N, C-alpha and C. Protein backbone atom coordinates (compact mmCIF):
# COMPACT_ATOMS: atom_id res chain seq x y z
N MET A 1 11.51 98.35 -21.84
CA MET A 1 11.87 99.42 -21.99
C MET A 1 11.90 100.36 -23.23
N ASN A 2 11.59 99.68 -24.48
CA ASN A 2 11.62 99.97 -25.60
C ASN A 2 9.98 100.72 -25.90
N ARG A 3 9.00 99.98 -24.99
CA ARG A 3 7.63 100.51 -25.28
C ARG A 3 7.48 102.00 -24.07
N LEU A 4 8.24 101.89 -23.35
CA LEU A 4 8.45 103.10 -22.40
C LEU A 4 8.79 104.54 -23.28
N LEU A 5 9.51 104.31 -24.12
CA LEU A 5 10.21 104.78 -25.25
C LEU A 5 9.22 105.40 -26.22
N LEU A 6 8.46 104.54 -26.95
CA LEU A 6 7.34 104.56 -28.02
C LEU A 6 6.37 105.38 -27.39
N VAL A 7 6.28 105.79 -26.31
CA VAL A 7 4.77 106.56 -25.87
C VAL A 7 5.60 108.04 -26.15
N PRO A 8 6.36 108.26 -25.70
CA PRO A 8 6.95 109.88 -25.84
C PRO A 8 7.09 109.90 -27.08
N LEU A 9 7.48 109.13 -27.70
CA LEU A 9 7.74 109.34 -29.45
C LEU A 9 6.67 109.67 -30.17
N LEU A 10 5.35 108.64 -29.87
CA LEU A 10 4.40 108.92 -30.17
C LEU A 10 3.48 110.41 -30.02
N LEU A 11 3.45 110.69 -28.83
CA LEU A 11 3.21 112.11 -28.51
C LEU A 11 3.92 113.15 -29.11
N LEU A 12 5.06 112.85 -29.39
CA LEU A 12 6.14 113.91 -29.95
C LEU A 12 5.38 113.96 -31.54
N ALA A 13 5.26 112.87 -31.63
CA ALA A 13 4.90 112.92 -33.14
C ALA A 13 3.55 113.90 -33.56
N LEU A 14 2.54 113.33 -32.52
CA LEU A 14 1.17 113.79 -32.74
C LEU A 14 1.40 115.43 -32.59
N VAL A 15 1.84 115.96 -31.63
CA VAL A 15 2.34 117.46 -31.17
C VAL A 15 2.92 118.05 -32.34
N SER A 16 3.80 117.39 -32.98
CA SER A 16 4.53 118.14 -34.32
C SER A 16 3.63 118.13 -35.20
N SER A 17 3.04 117.07 -35.74
CA SER A 17 1.91 117.26 -36.41
C SER A 17 0.77 118.39 -36.29
N ALA A 18 0.30 118.29 -35.12
CA ALA A 18 -0.73 119.52 -34.72
C ALA A 18 0.03 120.97 -35.07
N MET A 19 1.36 120.73 -34.69
CA MET A 19 1.90 122.51 -34.75
C MET A 19 1.92 122.36 -35.94
N ALA A 20 2.42 121.70 -36.93
CA ALA A 20 2.44 121.78 -38.64
C ALA A 20 1.29 122.33 -39.10
N GLN A 21 0.12 121.90 -38.68
CA GLN A 21 -1.26 122.23 -39.33
C GLN A 21 -1.38 123.41 -38.97
N GLU A 22 -1.15 123.50 -37.43
CA GLU A 22 -1.74 125.36 -36.96
C GLU A 22 -0.56 126.06 -37.67
N SER A 23 0.43 125.64 -37.77
CA SER A 23 1.26 126.84 -38.54
C SER A 23 1.01 126.89 -39.91
N THR A 24 0.53 126.12 -40.53
CA THR A 24 0.19 126.12 -42.06
C THR A 24 -1.07 127.25 -42.00
N VAL A 25 -1.85 126.94 -41.22
CA VAL A 25 -3.20 127.94 -40.98
C VAL A 25 -2.96 129.29 -40.96
N ARG A 26 -1.97 129.35 -39.88
CA ARG A 26 -1.16 130.53 -39.57
C ARG A 26 -0.66 131.44 -40.58
N SER A 27 0.27 130.75 -41.32
CA SER A 27 0.55 131.22 -42.52
C SER A 27 -0.25 131.88 -43.37
N PHE A 28 -1.04 131.14 -43.35
CA PHE A 28 -2.52 131.24 -44.72
C PHE A 28 -3.11 132.57 -44.49
N TYR A 29 -3.39 132.67 -43.05
CA TYR A 29 -3.94 133.65 -42.33
C TYR A 29 -3.42 135.07 -42.62
N GLN A 30 -1.86 134.82 -42.04
CA GLN A 30 -0.81 136.12 -42.23
C GLN A 30 -1.07 136.53 -43.86
N ALA A 31 -0.55 135.90 -44.71
CA ALA A 31 -0.58 135.99 -46.10
C ALA A 31 -2.03 136.85 -46.59
N TYR A 32 -3.45 136.07 -46.15
CA TYR A 32 -4.48 136.72 -46.31
C TYR A 32 -4.63 138.15 -45.91
N MET A 33 -4.11 138.72 -44.76
CA MET A 33 -4.71 139.88 -44.33
C MET A 33 -3.54 140.74 -45.00
N ALA A 34 -1.99 140.34 -45.60
CA ALA A 34 -1.47 141.13 -46.36
C ALA A 34 -2.05 141.31 -47.80
N ALA A 35 -2.60 140.51 -48.03
CA ALA A 35 -3.08 140.39 -49.81
C ALA A 35 -4.24 141.17 -49.80
N VAL A 36 -5.24 140.92 -48.78
CA VAL A 36 -6.37 141.95 -48.76
C VAL A 36 -5.93 143.41 -48.91
N GLU A 37 -5.02 143.63 -48.05
CA GLU A 37 -4.69 145.24 -47.93
C GLU A 37 -3.71 145.65 -49.04
N GLU A 38 -2.60 144.70 -49.62
CA GLU A 38 -2.05 145.18 -50.45
C GLU A 38 -2.63 144.88 -52.03
N HIS A 39 -3.43 144.17 -52.04
CA HIS A 39 -4.05 143.94 -53.56
C HIS A 39 -5.33 143.75 -53.69
N PRO A 40 -5.82 144.66 -53.11
CA PRO A 40 -7.57 144.73 -52.97
C PRO A 40 -8.18 144.58 -54.38
N GLN A 41 -7.70 144.46 -55.25
CA GLN A 41 -8.79 144.21 -56.49
C GLN A 41 -8.51 142.67 -56.98
N ALA A 42 -7.44 142.23 -56.42
CA ALA A 42 -7.13 140.89 -56.79
C ALA A 42 -6.13 139.84 -55.58
N TRP A 43 -7.10 140.26 -54.59
CA TRP A 43 -6.16 139.60 -53.14
C TRP A 43 -6.59 137.94 -53.50
N VAL A 44 -7.77 137.50 -53.93
CA VAL A 44 -7.70 136.13 -53.72
C VAL A 44 -6.66 135.54 -54.95
N GLN A 45 -6.60 136.01 -56.05
CA GLN A 45 -5.38 135.52 -57.13
C GLN A 45 -4.28 135.42 -56.40
N HIS A 46 -4.08 137.07 -55.82
CA HIS A 46 -2.72 137.03 -55.40
C HIS A 46 -2.36 135.89 -54.18
N LEU A 47 -3.57 135.68 -53.45
CA LEU A 47 -2.96 135.03 -52.01
C LEU A 47 -2.85 133.40 -52.44
N MET A 48 -3.39 132.85 -53.27
CA MET A 48 -3.45 131.86 -54.14
C MET A 48 -2.28 131.32 -54.78
N GLN A 49 -1.49 132.57 -55.06
CA GLN A 49 -0.28 132.38 -56.07
C GLN A 49 0.80 132.12 -54.87
N VAL A 50 0.44 133.02 -53.69
CA VAL A 50 1.92 132.73 -52.66
C VAL A 50 1.37 131.65 -51.65
N GLN A 51 0.58 131.34 -51.76
CA GLN A 51 0.10 129.95 -50.98
C GLN A 51 -0.24 128.73 -51.77
N ALA A 52 0.57 128.65 -52.92
CA ALA A 52 0.05 127.36 -53.27
C ALA A 52 0.82 126.16 -52.98
N ASP A 53 2.10 126.42 -52.25
CA ASP A 53 2.26 125.34 -51.45
C ASP A 53 1.64 124.72 -50.30
N ASN A 54 0.64 125.90 -50.01
CA ASN A 54 -0.14 125.32 -48.67
C ASN A 54 -1.62 124.82 -49.26
N VAL A 55 -1.84 124.87 -50.07
CA VAL A 55 -3.55 124.68 -50.60
C VAL A 55 -3.58 123.88 -51.81
N GLU A 56 -4.46 122.89 -51.52
CA GLU A 56 -4.49 122.07 -52.86
C GLU A 56 -4.82 122.52 -53.95
N SER A 57 -4.25 122.20 -55.24
CA SER A 57 -4.40 122.87 -56.47
C SER A 57 -6.08 122.81 -56.81
N ASP A 58 -6.88 122.09 -56.65
CA ASP A 58 -8.04 121.82 -56.97
C ASP A 58 -8.81 123.08 -56.61
N LEU A 59 -8.54 123.44 -55.00
CA LEU A 59 -9.28 124.11 -54.41
C LEU A 59 -8.72 125.71 -54.91
N SER A 60 -7.43 125.99 -55.05
CA SER A 60 -7.05 127.00 -55.47
C SER A 60 -7.42 127.64 -56.70
N SER A 61 -7.57 126.51 -57.74
CA SER A 61 -8.07 126.85 -58.95
C SER A 61 -9.52 127.54 -58.95
N MET A 62 -10.48 126.52 -58.19
CA MET A 62 -11.87 127.13 -58.27
C MET A 62 -11.70 128.29 -57.92
N LEU A 63 -11.17 128.56 -56.47
CA LEU A 63 -11.53 129.98 -56.16
C LEU A 63 -10.87 131.09 -57.09
N VAL A 64 -9.79 131.05 -57.87
CA VAL A 64 -9.31 131.83 -58.58
C VAL A 64 -10.12 132.37 -59.75
N ARG A 65 -10.83 130.83 -60.33
CA ARG A 65 -11.83 131.34 -61.29
C ARG A 65 -13.10 131.83 -60.79
N LEU A 66 -13.60 131.59 -59.66
CA LEU A 66 -14.74 132.39 -59.05
C LEU A 66 -14.22 133.94 -59.08
N ALA A 67 -13.09 134.18 -58.30
CA ALA A 67 -12.86 135.58 -58.08
C ALA A 67 -12.32 136.25 -59.53
N ASN A 68 -12.25 135.77 -60.57
CA ASN A 68 -12.21 136.33 -61.95
C ASN A 68 -13.19 136.40 -62.58
N GLY A 69 -14.44 136.19 -62.06
CA GLY A 69 -15.63 136.48 -62.63
C GLY A 69 -16.14 137.65 -62.19
N LYS A 70 -16.90 138.48 -63.26
CA LYS A 70 -17.49 139.31 -63.11
C LYS A 70 -18.83 139.78 -62.61
N PRO A 71 -19.42 140.64 -61.71
CA PRO A 71 -20.65 141.08 -61.50
C PRO A 71 -21.39 141.36 -62.81
N GLY A 72 -22.62 140.86 -63.26
CA GLY A 72 -23.29 141.51 -64.49
C GLY A 72 -23.04 140.60 -65.63
N THR A 73 -22.37 139.65 -65.51
CA THR A 73 -21.91 138.64 -66.62
C THR A 73 -22.57 137.35 -66.52
N GLU A 74 -22.40 136.33 -67.48
CA GLU A 74 -22.78 135.41 -67.08
C GLU A 74 -21.90 134.23 -66.23
N GLU A 75 -20.69 134.54 -66.12
CA GLU A 75 -19.78 133.65 -65.05
C GLU A 75 -20.20 134.04 -63.72
N PRO A 76 -20.18 133.02 -63.06
CA PRO A 76 -20.16 133.14 -61.66
C PRO A 76 -19.15 134.11 -61.06
N TRP A 77 -19.37 134.52 -60.00
CA TRP A 77 -18.36 135.52 -59.46
C TRP A 77 -18.37 135.42 -57.69
N LEU A 78 -17.51 135.60 -57.05
CA LEU A 78 -17.21 135.75 -55.59
C LEU A 78 -17.52 137.13 -55.12
N ASP A 79 -18.82 136.66 -54.28
CA ASP A 79 -19.50 137.99 -53.53
C ASP A 79 -19.14 137.82 -52.16
N PHE A 80 -18.36 137.07 -51.67
CA PHE A 80 -18.09 136.91 -50.17
C PHE A 80 -16.55 136.73 -49.87
N ASP A 81 -16.15 136.88 -48.71
CA ASP A 81 -14.59 136.69 -48.20
C ASP A 81 -14.60 135.00 -48.09
N PRO A 82 -14.25 134.27 -48.68
CA PRO A 82 -14.18 132.79 -48.06
C PRO A 82 -13.70 132.33 -47.06
N PHE A 83 -12.61 133.29 -46.38
CA PHE A 83 -11.74 133.06 -45.64
C PHE A 83 -12.05 133.46 -44.30
N SER A 84 -13.21 134.24 -44.47
CA SER A 84 -13.74 135.13 -43.07
C SER A 84 -15.43 134.56 -43.27
N ASN A 85 -16.14 134.16 -44.28
CA ASN A 85 -17.39 134.01 -44.25
C ASN A 85 -18.35 134.83 -44.04
N SER A 86 -17.77 136.03 -44.67
CA SER A 86 -18.60 137.30 -44.23
C SER A 86 -18.06 138.48 -45.52
N GLN A 87 -18.74 139.18 -45.55
CA GLN A 87 -18.59 140.47 -46.36
C GLN A 87 -18.37 141.68 -45.54
N MET A 88 -17.59 141.65 -44.54
CA MET A 88 -17.24 142.75 -43.63
C MET A 88 -15.92 143.12 -43.35
N GLY A 89 -15.07 142.11 -43.80
CA GLY A 89 -13.80 142.31 -43.76
C GLY A 89 -13.63 142.05 -42.22
N THR A 90 -12.26 141.19 -42.17
CA THR A 90 -11.60 140.75 -41.08
C THR A 90 -10.85 141.80 -40.17
N GLN A 91 -11.16 141.85 -39.00
CA GLN A 91 -10.57 142.89 -38.31
C GLN A 91 -9.56 142.38 -37.71
N SER A 92 -9.63 140.77 -37.00
CA SER A 92 -8.61 140.13 -36.58
C SER A 92 -8.99 138.79 -36.37
N TYR A 93 -7.95 137.76 -36.30
CA TYR A 93 -8.36 136.41 -35.95
C TYR A 93 -7.12 135.64 -35.43
N THR A 94 -7.87 134.47 -34.77
CA THR A 94 -7.16 133.66 -33.69
C THR A 94 -7.17 132.34 -34.63
N VAL A 95 -5.68 131.62 -34.86
CA VAL A 95 -6.07 130.29 -34.71
C VAL A 95 -5.99 129.40 -33.66
N GLY A 96 -7.07 128.56 -33.53
CA GLY A 96 -7.16 127.34 -32.67
C GLY A 96 -6.25 126.43 -32.74
N LYS A 97 -6.63 125.08 -32.08
CA LYS A 97 -6.14 124.07 -31.79
C LYS A 97 -6.51 122.86 -32.87
N ALA A 98 -5.48 122.30 -33.47
CA ALA A 98 -6.22 121.28 -34.44
C ALA A 98 -6.65 120.10 -33.98
N THR A 99 -7.59 119.39 -34.54
CA THR A 99 -8.01 118.18 -34.07
C THR A 99 -8.14 117.00 -35.59
N LEU A 100 -7.87 115.98 -35.11
CA LEU A 100 -7.83 115.01 -36.46
C LEU A 100 -9.39 114.32 -36.39
N LYS A 101 -9.53 113.98 -37.83
CA LYS A 101 -10.80 113.20 -37.85
C LYS A 101 -10.94 112.60 -38.86
N ASP A 102 -10.92 110.95 -39.27
CA ASP A 102 -10.74 110.64 -40.49
C ASP A 102 -9.83 111.13 -41.34
N GLY A 103 -8.38 111.00 -40.98
CA GLY A 103 -7.25 111.57 -41.49
C GLY A 103 -7.34 113.09 -42.14
N LEU A 104 -7.98 113.82 -41.62
CA LEU A 104 -8.12 115.20 -41.71
C LEU A 104 -8.02 116.27 -40.58
N ALA A 105 -7.09 117.29 -40.79
CA ALA A 105 -7.32 117.66 -39.43
C ALA A 105 -8.17 119.14 -39.67
N TYR A 106 -8.41 119.55 -38.64
CA TYR A 106 -9.51 120.74 -38.39
C TYR A 106 -8.98 121.69 -37.66
N VAL A 107 -8.70 122.90 -38.25
CA VAL A 107 -8.37 124.02 -37.33
C VAL A 107 -9.03 125.14 -37.26
N PRO A 108 -9.90 125.51 -35.92
CA PRO A 108 -10.86 126.58 -35.77
C PRO A 108 -10.13 127.81 -35.97
N VAL A 109 -10.79 128.91 -36.52
CA VAL A 109 -10.31 130.41 -36.89
C VAL A 109 -11.45 130.98 -36.51
N ALA A 110 -11.05 131.63 -35.37
CA ALA A 110 -11.96 132.64 -34.65
C ALA A 110 -11.58 134.33 -35.16
N ILE A 111 -12.85 134.53 -35.74
CA ILE A 111 -12.70 136.09 -36.39
C ILE A 111 -13.68 136.99 -35.91
N ALA A 112 -13.13 138.37 -36.14
CA ALA A 112 -13.47 139.66 -35.76
C ALA A 112 -13.96 140.25 -36.77
N TYR A 113 -15.15 140.75 -37.06
CA TYR A 113 -15.14 141.70 -38.32
C TYR A 113 -15.17 143.10 -37.88
N TYR A 114 -15.10 143.91 -39.20
CA TYR A 114 -14.79 145.47 -38.92
C TYR A 114 -16.10 145.75 -38.40
N ARG A 115 -17.11 145.32 -38.83
CA ARG A 115 -18.61 146.12 -38.59
C ARG A 115 -19.64 145.11 -37.54
N ASP A 116 -18.81 144.53 -36.84
CA ASP A 116 -19.18 143.60 -35.70
C ASP A 116 -18.67 143.92 -34.23
N THR A 117 -19.45 144.59 -33.34
CA THR A 117 -18.99 145.10 -32.41
C THR A 117 -18.59 143.80 -31.34
N GLY A 118 -18.98 142.51 -31.95
CA GLY A 118 -18.82 141.23 -30.85
C GLY A 118 -17.05 140.77 -30.60
N PRO A 119 -16.87 140.00 -30.22
CA PRO A 119 -15.67 139.46 -29.92
C PRO A 119 -15.31 138.47 -31.05
N GLU A 120 -14.38 138.19 -31.34
CA GLU A 120 -13.94 136.87 -32.28
C GLU A 120 -14.83 135.68 -31.80
N LYS A 121 -15.39 134.96 -32.96
CA LYS A 121 -15.62 133.86 -32.35
C LYS A 121 -15.47 132.85 -34.02
N VAL A 122 -15.55 131.85 -33.62
CA VAL A 122 -15.11 130.86 -34.74
C VAL A 122 -16.35 130.77 -35.87
N ARG A 123 -15.46 131.16 -36.58
CA ARG A 123 -16.44 131.65 -38.24
C ARG A 123 -15.87 130.43 -39.39
N VAL A 124 -15.08 129.91 -39.09
CA VAL A 124 -14.55 128.68 -40.16
C VAL A 124 -13.77 127.82 -39.38
N ARG A 125 -13.66 126.72 -40.06
CA ARG A 125 -12.71 125.24 -39.70
C ARG A 125 -11.89 125.05 -40.78
N VAL A 126 -10.61 125.53 -40.77
CA VAL A 126 -9.83 125.05 -42.06
C VAL A 126 -9.44 123.28 -42.17
N VAL A 127 -9.69 123.22 -42.94
CA VAL A 127 -9.36 121.48 -43.31
C VAL A 127 -8.29 121.28 -44.12
N LEU A 128 -7.30 120.57 -43.26
CA LEU A 128 -5.88 120.26 -44.05
C LEU A 128 -5.90 118.68 -44.31
N ARG A 129 -5.33 117.97 -45.25
CA ARG A 129 -5.18 116.64 -45.72
C ARG A 129 -3.49 116.39 -46.04
N GLN A 130 -3.37 115.40 -45.36
CA GLN A 130 -1.55 115.15 -45.30
C GLN A 130 -1.28 114.48 -47.03
N THR A 131 -0.33 115.53 -47.63
CA THR A 131 0.29 114.97 -48.75
C THR A 131 1.67 114.72 -48.35
N GLY A 132 1.94 113.46 -48.58
CA GLY A 132 3.24 113.04 -48.03
C GLY A 132 3.54 113.55 -46.81
N SER A 133 4.74 114.18 -46.50
CA SER A 133 4.94 114.78 -45.38
C SER A 133 4.59 116.41 -44.96
N VAL A 134 3.63 117.07 -45.81
CA VAL A 134 3.07 118.30 -45.63
C VAL A 134 1.66 118.01 -45.33
N TRP A 135 1.12 119.01 -44.85
CA TRP A 135 -0.33 119.22 -44.49
C TRP A 135 -0.98 120.54 -45.37
N LYS A 136 -1.81 120.25 -46.42
CA LYS A 136 -2.15 121.16 -47.30
C LYS A 136 -3.62 121.45 -47.00
N ILE A 137 -3.97 122.80 -47.50
CA ILE A 137 -5.32 123.46 -47.03
C ILE A 137 -6.45 122.75 -48.36
N ALA A 138 -7.26 121.82 -47.50
CA ALA A 138 -8.32 120.89 -48.38
C ALA A 138 -9.86 121.57 -48.89
N ASN A 139 -10.18 122.33 -47.52
CA ASN A 139 -11.34 123.03 -47.53
C ASN A 139 -11.69 123.87 -46.35
N PHE A 140 -12.86 124.79 -46.39
CA PHE A 140 -13.17 125.35 -45.50
C PHE A 140 -14.40 125.10 -45.08
N VAL A 141 -14.61 124.73 -43.97
CA VAL A 141 -16.09 124.48 -43.38
C VAL A 141 -16.57 125.72 -42.57
N TYR A 142 -18.02 125.91 -42.53
CA TYR A 142 -18.45 127.20 -41.88
C TYR A 142 -19.57 126.79 -40.99
N PRO A 143 -19.27 126.82 -40.00
CA PRO A 143 -20.30 126.28 -38.89
C PRO A 143 -21.69 126.90 -39.08
N ALA A 144 -22.74 126.35 -38.68
CA ALA A 144 -23.86 126.77 -38.51
C ALA A 144 -23.89 128.17 -37.89
N ASP A 145 -24.72 128.97 -38.17
CA ASP A 145 -24.95 130.15 -37.59
C ASP A 145 -26.05 131.12 -38.32
N ALA A 146 -26.38 131.77 -37.73
CA ALA A 146 -27.77 132.99 -37.94
C ALA A 146 -28.80 132.10 -38.87
N GLY A 147 -29.31 131.14 -38.54
CA GLY A 147 -30.15 130.11 -38.87
C GLY A 147 -29.66 129.35 -40.35
N MET A 148 -28.41 129.52 -40.58
CA MET A 148 -27.78 128.71 -41.63
C MET A 148 -27.21 127.73 -41.24
N ALA A 149 -27.30 126.43 -41.98
CA ALA A 149 -26.77 125.12 -41.78
C ALA A 149 -25.29 125.51 -42.08
N THR A 150 -24.47 124.36 -41.41
CA THR A 150 -23.38 124.12 -41.81
C THR A 150 -23.03 123.79 -43.23
N TRP A 151 -22.23 124.57 -43.81
CA TRP A 151 -21.53 124.20 -45.19
C TRP A 151 -20.09 124.44 -45.58
N ASP A 152 -19.80 124.00 -46.89
CA ASP A 152 -18.23 124.02 -46.71
C ASP A 152 -17.82 124.65 -48.15
N LEU A 153 -16.84 125.19 -48.32
CA LEU A 153 -16.47 126.05 -49.39
C LEU A 153 -16.52 125.27 -50.76
N LYS A 154 -15.72 123.97 -50.70
CA LYS A 154 -15.53 122.73 -51.69
C LYS A 154 -16.63 122.63 -52.20
N SER A 155 -17.84 122.33 -51.52
CA SER A 155 -19.05 122.08 -52.10
C SER A 155 -19.67 123.05 -52.96
N PHE A 156 -19.50 124.16 -52.43
CA PHE A 156 -20.13 125.46 -53.09
C PHE A 156 -19.38 125.91 -54.29
N LEU A 157 -18.14 125.68 -54.29
CA LEU A 157 -17.47 125.95 -55.48
C LEU A 157 -17.69 124.97 -56.77
N LYS A 158 -17.76 123.38 -56.21
CA LYS A 158 -18.30 122.76 -57.35
C LYS A 158 -19.53 122.99 -57.95
N GLN A 159 -20.76 123.40 -57.05
CA GLN A 159 -21.93 123.60 -57.36
C GLN A 159 -22.12 124.58 -58.51
N THR A 160 -21.42 125.86 -57.67
CA THR A 160 -21.41 127.05 -58.54
C THR A 160 -20.62 127.28 -59.70
N LEU A 161 -19.94 126.50 -60.25
CA LEU A 161 -18.96 126.39 -61.13
C LEU A 161 -19.29 125.26 -62.00
N GLN A 162 -20.38 124.21 -62.24
CA GLN A 162 -20.50 123.22 -62.80
C GLN A 162 -21.09 124.06 -64.27
N PRO A 163 -20.82 123.47 -65.18
CA PRO A 163 -21.28 123.89 -66.58
C PRO A 163 -22.70 123.65 -66.46
């Protein structure tokens, strides 16, 4: 009889974990949309501040450093939106279902751009890592598209910001 109870409890734990991961990503993207609108000159900095509990600190600090860079200087600067993988602006988004692989959760985010008449499509997979009982955003992976290979934000930031 104990084994009969164990299966539903395990399923419940998996479902609640997936819901927590998706909820973290949903909360992040809600804050992202608000930050872009309310803080157009410093939206990345603001977003990393308000989402500090949801984003791993190394990713956050690298993003803020790049966002603080200015064009025309020797410092690297952010010339695209890392949360939509575009320069067009996010019109809408839909958070998909989480999948687990090698201890990480991958949550697809389908995005429609303002200057693209097509429907939403998966433009990014948000990678989460569990820290204690909390899932935090650890990276953003961009699927292959328009002749570009799959790549990820954290590797790009490390390469771009190296001394």
